[in-house]
Structure formats: C-alpha cells, structure tokens
C-alpha cells in the first residue's frame, strides 16, 4: 500500500494514497474533514480551538455519550471496546474504540501550543482489521510544523504557507486545484493545472501564463512577462507583473506578480500569484519554494 501525506489547516498525517477528501467544513479554529476511499468514508477529523487546557477524559466520555444517544435513537447497537491513554512523539491524548453500524478507532488530543482539540477517527467495516493503519496515522499526526509553517497537501498538491496567511477559499476542479489566501488586504494564490503537455501543445509557457492571468484578473493592467530561473526538473519559470486599475483614484492599487512553471516529471503547471499593496522582494519566490512539484 502506498502512503502519502495529508495536510489541512496545520493538521497533517500519513494516509493511504487513495483516501482523499470527501467533505470539508470550517476554518483553522473549528472544522471538519472527511477522507473517503472508493467505497466508504475512512477518516474523519474534527478540531476546535479552546481558550484553555481541557480535561480530555471528560471530553472523551461526553463525546461517547453523545454517540450512544444518537445510536439509540436509530436503534443501532453501540459498544465501547477500549479506552486508554495514548502517547505519540508529539502528543499525549486519549485512545478509544467503538463499534456501531461500523467500527471506529479514535484518538483525541489537545495541542499544547494553540490549545486546539483534534479528534481523528479511522473507520472500517465491522470485523475489519484497521488497527495497524490507525496506529500509523496516529503516530504521524502533527498540529504544527517545526518552523511554524502550515502544510497543505491534498490530491497530490503539496505546499507550505507562512503562519500569517489565512485560507479564504479553495476550488477542487478536475484538472485544476486552487487555493486563495489573504494577509490583511493582500491576496496570495496557489494553482496547479494537470495535463500540461496538452495545455502547452500549441503555446509556450510564457504565452499561456500571460493569457491565463489576463483571463482571470480583469482588474489588472499587465506589464512585462519575463523568464525566471529553472526549478530542478521543471521548465524555466515565467513571471508576469502588473498593477490593478480602477475608477477611484484614492484607493491604492495593488501590485500583481505571478510565477508559473511546468514540472516535466508530474506533467503539471504550478503557479503562485500575489496581489499586494506593497511588493516585497523574494516573498513570492519563497512561497514558490514551498511547493513540492513531484
């Protein structure tokens, strides 16, 4: 079985490669993610930031009582099979297993740094042996990277962002993944497009990147497009610069800058874009360095 890394809102862990996002809700303070395989839900993650340290034993028992009540209303036989303390390299928490219409192996932890409670649940069919997989997932669980950067890793798109950026929205279209972050009035976008060999069949990367930016950012007057340095196994990247236009003169127009490159190994086009009130040398390049191409 091939495993890869999942990352969302700072929470990360290893998972089987074919378990991917089925549902996402919330933000970094409170949210929910579900990962599915081709047939059923496999992992559920819930998190909520607290104002103080929480007694996890009480939180776990309250959670189990709520589940038992819900099962009772549906006339489902509900059993708690195990409860104990659990320790990983990074967390101390509570481990518990329950069985209803399916089996769930759970870990509940609280990050000592941000006080966020994280509940990770690995799901399986009744009688299915998922203990070894659950332990591998739990032992790889992280709520922060060592350098305080946020890891984002979904559908094979893996990148990091500095802690000051906040996710506004995301889009998972077939062949096109997009993340939109903000920092005050500034915006930063991360893009990945598939089948680069088809997209670039009749256009150079430079021509395509400029056309792409012009079609997506109607409020920008574009200047030059110029080459950057090569990124390892990637085609030489291209930058496009510009500045917002508008009718209200008093509003300070933001600077636009993009960097796109083509990874030959993964056959993807990657892009990082900034719309900022004050341009910072190398900030866009540092963001691009956090993108893992393959």
C-alpha atoms as a PDB file:
ATOM      1  CA  UNK A   1       0.000   0.000   0.000  1.00  0.00           C
ATOM      2  CA  UNK A   2       1.333   3.438  -0.981  1.00  0.00           C
ATOM      3  CA  UNK A   3       1.061   6.174   1.636  1.00  0.00           C
ATOM      4  CA  UNK A   4       1.328   9.927   1.265  1.00  0.00           C
ATOM      5  CA  UNK A   5       0.838  12.981   3.429  1.00  0.00           C
ATOM      6  CA  UNK A   6      -2.400  14.829   4.075  1.00  0.00           C
ATOM      7  CA  UNK A   7      -2.319  18.414   5.323  1.00  0.00           C
ATOM      8  CA  UNK A   8      -5.093  20.900   6.075  1.00  0.00           C
ATOM      9  CA  UNK A   9      -5.214  23.956   8.360  1.00  0.00           C
ATOM     10  CA  UNK A  10      -1.942  22.905  10.006  1.00  0.00           C
ATOM     11  CA  UNK A  11      -3.105  19.357  10.801  1.00  0.00           C
ATOM     12  CA  UNK A  12      -1.125  16.685   8.965  1.00  0.00           C
ATOM     13  CA  UNK A  13      -0.646  12.903   8.990  1.00  0.00           C
ATOM     14  CA  UNK A  14       0.168   9.987   6.702  1.00  0.00           C
ATOM     15  CA  UNK A  15      -2.670   8.216   4.902  1.00  0.00           C
ATOM     16  CA  UNK A  16      -3.170   5.621   2.151  1.00  0.00           C
ATOM     17  CA  UNK A  17      -2.746   7.278  -1.241  1.00  0.00           C
ATOM     18  CA  UNK A  18      -6.274   6.556  -2.469  1.00  0.00           C
ATOM     19  CA  UNK A  19      -8.017   8.099   0.567  1.00  0.00           C
ATOM     20  CA  UNK A  20      -8.938  11.621  -0.480  1.00  0.00           C
ATOM     21  CA  UNK A  21     -11.207  14.474   0.535  1.00  0.00           C
ATOM     22  CA  UNK A  22     -14.932  13.786   0.562  1.00  0.00           C
ATOM     23  CA  UNK A  23     -16.025  16.780   2.641  1.00  0.00           C
ATOM     24  CA  UNK A  24     -14.523  19.940   4.180  1.00  0.00           C
ATOM     25  CA  UNK A  25     -16.062  22.429   6.599  1.00  0.00           C
ATOM     26  CA  UNK A  26     -14.873  25.302   8.787  1.00  0.00           C
ATOM     27  CA  UNK A  27     -11.602  27.158   9.263  1.00  0.00           C
ATOM     28  CA  UNK A  28      -8.427  26.847  11.345  1.00  0.00           C
ATOM     29  CA  UNK A  29     -10.335  27.451  14.610  1.00  0.00           C
ATOM     30  CA  UNK A  30     -13.142  24.960  14.097  1.00  0.00           C
ATOM     31  CA  UNK A  31     -13.694  22.497  11.298  1.00  0.00           C
ATOM     32  CA  UNK A  32     -14.195  19.051   9.879  1.00  0.00           C
ATOM     33  CA  UNK A  33     -12.628  16.955   7.115  1.00  0.00           C
ATOM     34  CA  UNK A  34     -13.663  13.550   5.843  1.00  0.00           C
ATOM     35  CA  UNK A  35     -11.467  11.327   3.671  1.00  0.00           C
ATOM     36  CA  UNK A  36     -13.024   8.573   1.566  1.00  0.00           C
ATOM     37  CA  UNK A  37     -11.800   5.650  -0.470  1.00  0.00           C
ATOM     38  CA  UNK A  38     -13.771   4.413  -3.492  1.00  0.00           C
ATOM     39  CA  UNK A  39     -16.363   2.672  -1.327  1.00  0.00           C
ATOM     40  CA  UNK A  40     -16.737   4.299   2.098  1.00  0.00           C
ATOM     41  CA  UNK A  41     -15.605   7.011   4.496  1.00  0.00           C
ATOM     42  CA  UNK A  42     -12.208   6.180   6.015  1.00  0.00           C
ATOM     43  CA  UNK A  43     -11.060   9.090   8.184  1.00  0.00           C
ATOM     44  CA  UNK A  44     -12.880  11.883   9.961  1.00  0.00           C
ATOM     45  CA  UNK A  45     -11.034  14.782  11.576  1.00  0.00           C
ATOM     46  CA  UNK A  46     -12.682  17.355  13.819  1.00  0.00           C
ATOM     47  CA  UNK A  47     -10.908  20.236  15.516  1.00  0.00           C
ATOM     48  CA  UNK A  48     -11.849  23.183  17.708  1.00  0.00           C
ATOM     49  CA  UNK A  49      -9.646  25.770  19.359  1.00  0.00           C
ATOM     50  CA  UNK A  50     -10.157  26.181  23.107  1.00  0.00           C
ATOM     51  CA  UNK A  51      -9.402  29.102  25.428  1.00  0.00           C
ATOM     52  CA  UNK A  52      -7.682  26.870  27.983  1.00  0.00           C
ATOM     53  CA  UNK A  53      -6.429  23.357  28.581  1.00  0.00           C
ATOM     54  CA  UNK A  54      -9.251  20.798  28.595  1.00  0.00           C
ATOM     55  CA  UNK A  55      -9.560  17.621  30.682  1.00  0.00           C
ATOM     56  CA  UNK A  56      -9.594  15.127  27.808  1.00  0.00           C
ATOM     57  CA  UNK A  57     -11.053  12.278  29.854  1.00  0.00           C
ATOM     58  CA  UNK A  58     -14.266  14.261  30.357  1.00  0.00           C
ATOM     59  CA  UNK A  59     -14.310  15.411  26.743  1.00  0.00           C
ATOM     60  CA  UNK A  60     -13.934  11.822  25.529  1.00  0.00           C
ATOM     61  CA  UNK A  61     -16.691  10.496  27.832  1.00  0.00           C
ATOM     62  CA  UNK A  62     -19.040  13.301  26.762  1.00  0.00           C
ATOM     63  CA  UNK A  63     -18.348  12.513  23.117  1.00  0.00           C
ATOM     64  CA  UNK A  64     -19.068   8.799  23.655  1.00  0.00           C
ATOM     65  CA  UNK A  65     -22.326   9.552  25.482  1.00  0.00           C
ATOM     66  CA  UNK A  66     -23.475  11.698  22.563  1.00  0.00           C
ATOM     67  CA  UNK A  67     -22.661   8.922  20.099  1.00  0.00           C
ATOM     68  CA  UNK A  68     -24.503   6.363  22.234  1.00  0.00           C
ATOM     69  CA  UNK A  69     -27.613   8.565  22.338  1.00  0.00           C
ATOM     70  CA  UNK A  70     -27.572   9.009  18.559  1.00  0.00           C
ATOM     71  CA  UNK A  71     -27.151   5.263  18.048  1.00  0.00           C
ATOM     72  CA  UNK A  72     -30.030   4.589  20.465  1.00  0.00           C
ATOM     73  CA  UNK A  73     -32.365   6.865  18.520  1.00  0.00           C
ATOM     74  CA  UNK A  74     -31.519   4.918  15.354  1.00  0.00           C
ATOM     75  CA  UNK A  75     -31.786   1.589  17.240  1.00  0.00           C
ATOM     76  CA  UNK A  76     -28.148   0.719  16.456  1.00  0.00           C
ATOM     77  CA  UNK A  77     -26.230  -1.485  18.874  1.00  0.00           C
ATOM     78  CA  UNK A  78     -23.356   0.688  20.206  1.00  0.00           C
ATOM     79  CA  UNK A  79     -20.356  -0.682  22.119  1.00  0.00           C
ATOM     80  CA  UNK A  80     -17.207   0.910  23.521  1.00  0.00           C
ATOM     81  CA  UNK A  81     -14.487  -1.691  23.064  1.00  0.00           C
ATOM     82  CA  UNK A  82     -11.470   0.086  24.521  1.00  0.00           C
ATOM     83  CA  UNK A  83     -10.432   3.319  26.276  1.00  0.00           C
ATOM     84  CA  UNK A  84      -6.924   4.256  27.377  1.00  0.00           C
ATOM     85  CA  UNK A  85      -4.249   6.922  27.496  1.00  0.00           C
ATOM     86  CA  UNK A  86      -2.204   7.277  24.338  1.00  0.00           C
ATOM     87  CA  UNK A  87       1.179   8.819  23.681  1.00  0.00           C
ATOM     88  CA  UNK A  88       2.895   9.649  20.374  1.00  0.00           C
ATOM     89  CA  UNK A  89       6.143  11.501  19.676  1.00  0.00           C
ATOM     90  CA  UNK A  90       4.262  14.795  19.695  1.00  0.00           C
ATOM     91  CA  UNK A  91       1.055  14.267  21.714  1.00  0.00           C
ATOM     92  CA  UNK A  92      -0.476  12.784  24.821  1.00  0.00           C
ATOM     93  CA  UNK A  93      -4.130  12.005  24.409  1.00  0.00           C
ATOM     94  CA  UNK A  94      -6.987   9.552  24.666  1.00  0.00           C
ATOM     95  CA  UNK A  95      -7.393   6.445  22.559  1.00  0.00           C
ATOM     96  CA  UNK A  96     -10.765   4.712  22.237  1.00  0.00           C
ATOM     97  CA  UNK A  97     -12.527   2.216  20.004  1.00  0.00           C
ATOM     98  CA  UNK A  98     -16.235   1.917  19.464  1.00  0.00           C
ATOM     99  CA  UNK A  99     -18.455  -0.158  17.241  1.00  0.00           C
ATOM    100  CA  UNK A 100     -21.910   0.603  15.933  1.00  0.00           C
ATOM    101  CA  UNK A 101     -23.019   0.107  12.365  1.00  0.00           C
ATOM    102  CA  UNK A 102     -19.269   0.359  11.615  1.00  0.00           C
ATOM    103  CA  UNK A 103     -16.017   0.292  13.565  1.00  0.00           C
ATOM    104  CA  UNK A 104     -14.107   3.426  14.633  1.00  0.00           C
ATOM    105  CA  UNK A 105     -10.630   3.731  16.170  1.00  0.00           C
ATOM    106  CA  UNK A 106     -10.171   7.207  17.628  1.00  0.00           C
ATOM    107  CA  UNK A 107      -7.569   9.486  19.137  1.00  0.00           C
ATOM    108  CA  UNK A 108      -8.357  12.767  20.895  1.00  0.00           C
ATOM    109  CA  UNK A 109      -5.512  15.195  21.620  1.00  0.00           C
ATOM    110  CA  UNK A 110      -5.032  18.846  22.526  1.00  0.00           C
ATOM    111  CA  UNK A 111      -2.163  20.832  21.073  1.00  0.00           C
ATOM    112  CA  UNK A 112      -0.258  22.458  23.962  1.00  0.00           C
ATOM    113  CA  UNK A 113       0.781  25.326  21.688  1.00  0.00           C
ATOM    114  CA  UNK A 114      -2.528  26.539  20.200  1.00  0.00           C
ATOM    115  CA  UNK A 115      -4.944  24.653  22.545  1.00  0.00           C
ATOM    116  CA  UNK A 116      -6.769  23.174  19.587  1.00  0.00           C
ATOM    117  CA  UNK A 117      -8.516  19.860  20.329  1.00  0.00           C
ATOM    118  CA  UNK A 118      -8.183  17.409  17.442  1.00  0.00           C
ATOM    119  CA  UNK A 119     -10.261  14.240  17.107  1.00  0.00           C
ATOM    120  CA  UNK A 120      -9.097  11.771  14.449  1.00  0.00           C
ATOM    121  CA  UNK A 121     -11.316   8.778  13.684  1.00  0.00           C
ATOM    122  CA  UNK A 122     -10.263   5.887  11.430  1.00  0.00           C
ATOM    123  CA  UNK A 123     -13.278   3.975  10.117  1.00  0.00           C
ATOM    124  CA  UNK A 124     -13.779   0.427   8.912  1.00  0.00           C
ATOM    125  CA  UNK A 125     -16.459  -2.169   8.391  1.00  0.00           C
ATOM    126  CA  UNK A 126     -17.476  -4.295  11.362  1.00  0.00           C
ATOM    127  CA  UNK A 127     -14.884  -7.009  11.833  1.00  0.00           C
ATOM    128  CA  UNK A 128     -12.318  -5.290   9.562  1.00  0.00           C
ATOM    129  CA  UNK A 129      -8.785  -5.123  10.993  1.00  0.00           C
ATOM    130  CA  UNK A 130      -7.788  -1.438  10.777  1.00  0.00           C
ATOM    131  CA  UNK A 131      -5.676  -1.204  13.945  1.00  0.00           C
ATOM    132  CA  UNK A 132      -2.290  -1.195  12.201  1.00  0.00           C
ATOM    133  CA  UNK A 133      -3.376   1.508   9.757  1.00  0.00           C
ATOM    134  CA  UNK A 134      -4.857   3.611  12.567  1.00  0.00           C
ATOM    135  CA  UNK A 135      -1.640   3.443  14.595  1.00  0.00           C
ATOM    136  CA  UNK A 136       0.432   4.574  11.607  1.00  0.00           C
ATOM    137  CA  UNK A 137      -1.919   7.520  11.058  1.00  0.00           C
ATOM    138  CA  UNK A 138      -1.972   8.498  14.752  1.00  0.00           C
ATOM    139  CA  UNK A 139       1.815   8.257  15.148  1.00  0.00           C
ATOM    140  CA  UNK A 140       2.303  10.611  12.189  1.00  0.00           C
ATOM    141  CA  UNK A 141      -0.226  13.191  13.444  1.00  0.00           C
ATOM    142  CA  UNK A 142       1.072  16.772  13.697  1.00  0.00           C
ATOM    143  CA  UNK A 143      -0.680  20.027  14.545  1.00  0.00           C
ATOM    144  CA  UNK A 144       2.281  22.295  13.756  1.00  0.00           C
ATOM    145  CA  UNK A 145       5.406  22.066  11.664  1.00  0.00           C
ATOM    146  CA  UNK A 146       8.709  22.774  13.392  1.00  0.00           C
ATOM    147  CA  UNK A 147       9.138  26.077  11.520  1.00  0.00           C
ATOM    148  CA  UNK A 148       5.510  27.109  12.251  1.00  0.00           C
ATOM    149  CA  UNK A 149       4.583  26.900   8.580  1.00  0.00           C
ATOM    150  CA  UNK A 150       1.215  25.442   7.562  1.00  0.00           C
ATOM    151  CA  UNK A 151       1.252  22.296   5.433  1.00  0.00           C
ATOM    152  CA  UNK A 152      -1.401  21.860   2.732  1.00  0.00           C
ATOM    153  CA  UNK A 153      -1.455  18.509   0.951  1.00  0.00           C
ATOM    154  CA  UNK A 154      -4.492  17.254  -0.973  1.00  0.00           C
ATOM    155  CA  UNK A 155      -4.871  15.302  -4.228  1.00  0.00           C
ATOM    156  CA  UNK A 156      -1.078  15.222  -4.513  1.00  0.00           C
ATOM    157  CA  UNK A 157      -0.751  19.034  -4.351  1.00  0.00           C
ATOM    158  CA  UNK A 158       1.697  19.703  -1.518  1.00  0.00           C
ATOM    159  CA  UNK A 159       2.887  23.134  -0.365  1.00  0.00           C
ATOM    160  CA  UNK A 160       3.535  25.189   2.757  1.00  0.00           C
ATOM    161  CA  UNK A 161       2.490  28.717   3.727  1.00  0.00           C
ATOM    162  CA  UNK A 162       3.798  31.094   6.407  1.00  0.00           C
ATOM    163  CA  UNK A 163       1.621  31.360   9.533  1.00  0.00           C
ATOM    164  CA  UNK A 164       0.357  34.865   8.704  1.00  0.00           C
ATOM    165  CA  UNK A 165      -1.618  33.680   5.661  1.00  0.00           C
ATOM    166  CA  UNK A 166      -5.271  32.676   6.124  1.00  0.00           C
ATOM    167  CA  UNK A 167      -7.238  30.493   3.719  1.00  0.00           C
ATOM    168  CA  UNK A 168     -10.187  32.336   2.153  1.00  0.00           C
ATOM    169  CA  UNK A 169     -11.445  29.761  -0.285  1.00  0.00           C
ATOM    170  CA  UNK A 170     -10.414  26.755  -2.315  1.00  0.00           C
ATOM    171  CA  UNK A 171     -11.506  25.073  -5.507  1.00  0.00           C
ATOM    172  CA  UNK A 172     -11.003  21.418  -6.456  1.00  0.00           C
ATOM    173  CA  UNK A 173     -11.991  21.149 -10.103  1.00  0.00           C
ATOM    174  CA  UNK A 174     -10.987  18.253 -12.306  1.00  0.00           C
ATOM    175  CA  UNK A 175      -7.517  19.128 -13.538  1.00  0.00           C
ATOM    176  CA  UNK A 176      -7.302  22.433 -11.656  1.00  0.00           C
ATOM    177  CA  UNK A 177      -6.681  22.928  -7.922  1.00  0.00           C
ATOM    178  CA  UNK A 178      -6.706  26.449  -6.481  1.00  0.00           C
ATOM    179  CA  UNK A 179      -6.126  27.949  -3.017  1.00  0.00           C
ATOM    180  CA  UNK A 180      -6.763  31.621  -2.195  1.00  0.00           C
ATOM    181  CA  UNK A 181      -5.086  33.062   0.931  1.00  0.00           C
ATOM    182  CA  UNK A 182      -5.126  36.539   2.452  1.00  0.00           C
ATOM    183  CA  UNK A 183      -2.971  38.683   4.707  1.00  0.00           C
ATOM    184  CA  UNK A 184      -4.862  41.859   5.502  1.00  0.00           C
ATOM    185  CA  UNK A 185      -5.672  43.420   2.099  1.00  0.00           C
ATOM    186  CA  UNK A 186      -3.137  41.225   0.278  1.00  0.00           C
ATOM    187  CA  UNK A 187      -4.032  38.029  -1.584  1.00  0.00           C
ATOM    188  CA  UNK A 188      -1.900  35.027  -2.490  1.00  0.00           C
ATOM    189  CA  UNK A 189      -2.990  32.194  -4.770  1.00  0.00           C
ATOM    190  CA  UNK A 190      -1.561  28.721  -5.326  1.00  0.00           C
ATOM    191  CA  UNK A 191      -2.606  26.899  -8.504  1.00  0.00           C
ATOM    192  CA  UNK A 192      -1.961  23.505 -10.033  1.00  0.00           C
ATOM    193  CA  UNK A 193      -3.139  22.500 -13.500  1.00  0.00           C
ATOM    194  CA  UNK A 194      -2.932  18.956 -14.869  1.00  0.00           C
ATOM    195  CA  UNK A 195      -2.115  17.663 -18.384  1.00  0.00           C
ATOM    196  CA  UNK A 196       0.476  20.359 -19.013  1.00  0.00           C
ATOM    197  CA  UNK A 197       1.582  18.609 -22.217  1.00  0.00           C
ATOM    198  CA  UNK A 198      -1.877  19.243 -23.705  1.00  0.00           C
ATOM    199  CA  UNK A 199      -2.200  22.805 -22.363  1.00  0.00           C
ATOM    200  CA  UNK A 200       1.217  23.746 -23.778  1.00  0.00           C
ATOM    201  CA  UNK A 201       0.885  21.838 -27.059  1.00  0.00           C
ATOM    202  CA  UNK A 202       0.343  24.986 -29.133  1.00  0.00           C
ATOM    203  CA  UNK A 203       1.615  27.674 -26.735  1.00  0.00           C
ATOM    204  CA  UNK A 204       4.808  28.442 -24.906  1.00  0.00           C
ATOM    205  CA  UNK A 205       4.585  28.603 -21.119  1.00  0.00           C
ATOM    206  CA  UNK A 206       5.242  32.344 -21.333  1.00  0.00           C
ATOM    207  CA  UNK A 207       2.316  32.937 -23.726  1.00  0.00           C
ATOM    208  CA  UNK A 208      -0.010  30.618 -21.817  1.00  0.00           C
ATOM    209  CA  UNK A 209       0.817  32.208 -18.423  1.00  0.00           C
ATOM    210  CA  UNK A 210       0.106  35.706 -19.713  1.00  0.00           C
ATOM    211  CA  UNK A 211      -3.184  34.630 -21.342  1.00  0.00           C
ATOM    212  CA  UNK A 212      -4.197  32.812 -18.145  1.00  0.00           C
ATOM    213  CA  UNK A 213      -3.523  35.867 -15.959  1.00  0.00           C
ATOM    214  CA  UNK A 214      -5.331  38.233 -18.330  1.00  0.00           C
ATOM    215  CA  UNK A 215      -8.396  35.987 -18.412  1.00  0.00           C
ATOM    216  CA  UNK A 216      -8.579  35.619 -14.611  1.00  0.00           C
ATOM    217  CA  UNK A 217      -7.640  39.125 -13.426  1.00  0.00           C
ATOM    218  CA  UNK A 218      -9.692  41.669 -15.357  1.00  0.00           C
ATOM    219  CA  UNK A 219      -8.864  44.451 -12.878  1.00  0.00           C
ATOM    220  CA  UNK A 220      -5.123  44.327 -13.618  1.00  0.00           C
ATOM    221  CA  UNK A 221      -3.134  46.242 -16.228  1.00  0.00           C
ATOM    222  CA  UNK A 222      -0.347  43.862 -17.183  1.00  0.00           C
ATOM    223  CA  UNK A 223       3.237  44.827 -17.862  1.00  0.00           C
ATOM    224  CA  UNK A 224       6.008  42.519 -18.971  1.00  0.00           C
ATOM    225  CA  UNK A 225       6.313  38.749 -18.828  1.00  0.00           C
ATOM    226  CA  UNK A 226       9.903  37.608 -18.322  1.00  0.00           C
ATOM    227  CA  UNK A 227      11.780  34.361 -17.614  1.00  0.00           C
ATOM    228  CA  UNK A 228      12.951  33.227 -14.199  1.00  0.00           C
ATOM    229  CA  UNK A 229      15.361  30.524 -13.118  1.00  0.00           C
ATOM    230  CA  UNK A 230      14.857  26.820 -13.723  1.00  0.00           C
ATOM    231  CA  UNK A 231      13.441  24.796 -10.805  1.00  0.00           C
ATOM    232  CA  UNK A 232      15.260  21.446 -10.915  1.00  0.00           C
ATOM    233  CA  UNK A 233      13.321  19.128 -13.254  1.00  0.00           C
ATOM    234  CA  UNK A 234      10.960  21.956 -14.244  1.00  0.00           C
ATOM    235  CA  UNK A 235      10.943  24.117 -17.320  1.00  0.00           C
ATOM    236  CA  UNK A 236      12.234  27.622 -16.749  1.00  0.00           C
ATOM    237  CA  UNK A 237       9.581  29.591 -14.867  1.00  0.00           C
ATOM    238  CA  UNK A 238       7.976  32.793 -16.126  1.00  0.00           C
ATOM    239  CA  UNK A 239       6.967  35.907 -14.199  1.00  0.00           C
ATOM    240  CA  UNK A 240       4.196  38.322 -15.138  1.00  0.00           C
ATOM    241  CA  UNK A 241       3.835  41.698 -13.427  1.00  0.00           C
ATOM    242  CA  UNK A 242       1.087  44.309 -13.400  1.00  0.00           C
ATOM    243  CA  UNK A 243      -0.988  46.646 -11.272  1.00  0.00           C
ATOM    244  CA  UNK A 244      -4.671  46.970 -10.509  1.00  0.00           C
ATOM    245  CA  UNK A 245      -6.638  49.705 -12.200  1.00  0.00           C
ATOM    246  CA  UNK A 246      -9.861  51.344 -11.031  1.00  0.00           C
ATOM    247  CA  UNK A 247     -12.041  54.432 -11.197  1.00  0.00           C
ATOM    248  CA  UNK A 248     -11.488  55.583  -7.607  1.00  0.00           C
ATOM    249  CA  UNK A 249      -8.137  57.364  -7.526  1.00  0.00           C
ATOM    250  CA  UNK A 250      -7.934  57.493  -3.746  1.00  0.00           C
ATOM    251  CA  UNK A 251      -7.706  53.720  -3.468  1.00  0.00           C
ATOM    252  CA  UNK A 252      -4.165  52.429  -3.568  1.00  0.00           C
ATOM    253  CA  UNK A 253      -3.949  49.890  -6.363  1.00  0.00           C
ATOM    254  CA  UNK A 254      -2.300  46.597  -5.542  1.00  0.00           C
ATOM    255  CA  UNK A 255       0.734  45.215  -7.332  1.00  0.00           C
ATOM    256  CA  UNK A 256       0.321  41.959  -9.259  1.00  0.00           C
ATOM    257  CA  UNK A 257       3.030  39.363  -9.750  1.00  0.00           C
ATOM    258  CA  UNK A 258       2.807  35.725 -10.813  1.00  0.00           C
ATOM    259  CA  UNK A 259       5.245  32.875 -11.244  1.00  0.00           C
ATOM    260  CA  UNK A 260       4.311  29.781 -13.272  1.00  0.00           C
ATOM    261  CA  UNK A 261       6.453  26.756 -14.072  1.00  0.00           C
ATOM    262  CA  UNK A 262       5.994  23.371 -15.761  1.00  0.00           C
ATOM    263  CA  UNK A 263       7.147  20.251 -13.921  1.00  0.00           C
ATOM    264  CA  UNK A 264       8.126  17.683 -16.533  1.00  0.00           C
ATOM    265  CA  UNK A 265       8.003  14.723 -14.134  1.00  0.00           C
ATOM    266  CA  UNK A 266       4.466  15.279 -12.794  1.00  0.00           C
ATOM    267  CA  UNK A 267       3.211  16.920 -16.045  1.00  0.00           C
ATOM    268  CA  UNK A 268       1.655  19.746 -14.022  1.00  0.00           C
ATOM    269  CA  UNK A 269       1.753  23.516 -14.330  1.00  0.00           C
ATOM    270  CA  UNK A 270       2.249  25.181 -10.944  1.00  0.00           C
ATOM    271  CA  UNK A 271       1.606  28.819 -10.195  1.00  0.00           C
ATOM    272  CA  UNK A 272       1.908  31.260  -7.306  1.00  0.00           C
ATOM    273  CA  UNK A 273       0.283  34.699  -7.577  1.00  0.00           C
ATOM    274  CA  UNK A 274       0.326  37.746  -5.317  1.00  0.00           C
ATOM    275  CA  UNK A 275      -1.838  40.877  -5.252  1.00  0.00           C
ATOM    276  CA  UNK A 276      -0.237  43.122  -2.650  1.00  0.00           C
ATOM    277  CA  UNK A 277      -0.299  46.762  -1.582  1.00  0.00           C
ATOM    278  CA  UNK A 278       3.452  46.770  -1.042  1.00  0.00           C
ATOM    279  CA  UNK A 279       5.648  44.491  -3.085  1.00  0.00           C
ATOM    280  CA  UNK A 280       8.273  42.550  -1.105  1.00  0.00           C
ATOM    281  CA  UNK A 281      11.392  41.251  -2.821  1.00  0.00           C
ATOM    282  CA  UNK A 282      11.564  37.432  -2.854  1.00  0.00           C
ATOM    283  CA  UNK A 283       8.271  36.883  -0.923  1.00  0.00           C
ATOM    284  CA  UNK A 284       6.634  35.312  -3.990  1.00  0.00           C
ATOM    285  CA  UNK A 285       9.767  33.261  -4.676  1.00  0.00           C
ATOM    286  CA  UNK A 286       9.814  32.000  -1.080  1.00  0.00           C
ATOM    287  CA  UNK A 287       6.187  30.888  -1.423  1.00  0.00           C
ATOM    288  CA  UNK A 288       7.059  29.077  -4.654  1.00  0.00           C
ATOM    289  CA  UNK A 289       9.942  27.306  -2.890  1.00  0.00           C
ATOM    290  CA  UNK A 290       7.353  25.779  -0.529  1.00  0.00           C
ATOM    291  CA  UNK A 291       5.606  23.999  -3.433  1.00  0.00           C
ATOM    292  CA  UNK A 292       6.526  20.343  -3.922  1.00  0.00           C
ATOM    293  CA  UNK A 293       6.340  19.546  -7.628  1.00  0.00           C
ATOM    294  CA  UNK A 294       6.610  15.763  -7.507  1.00  0.00           C
END
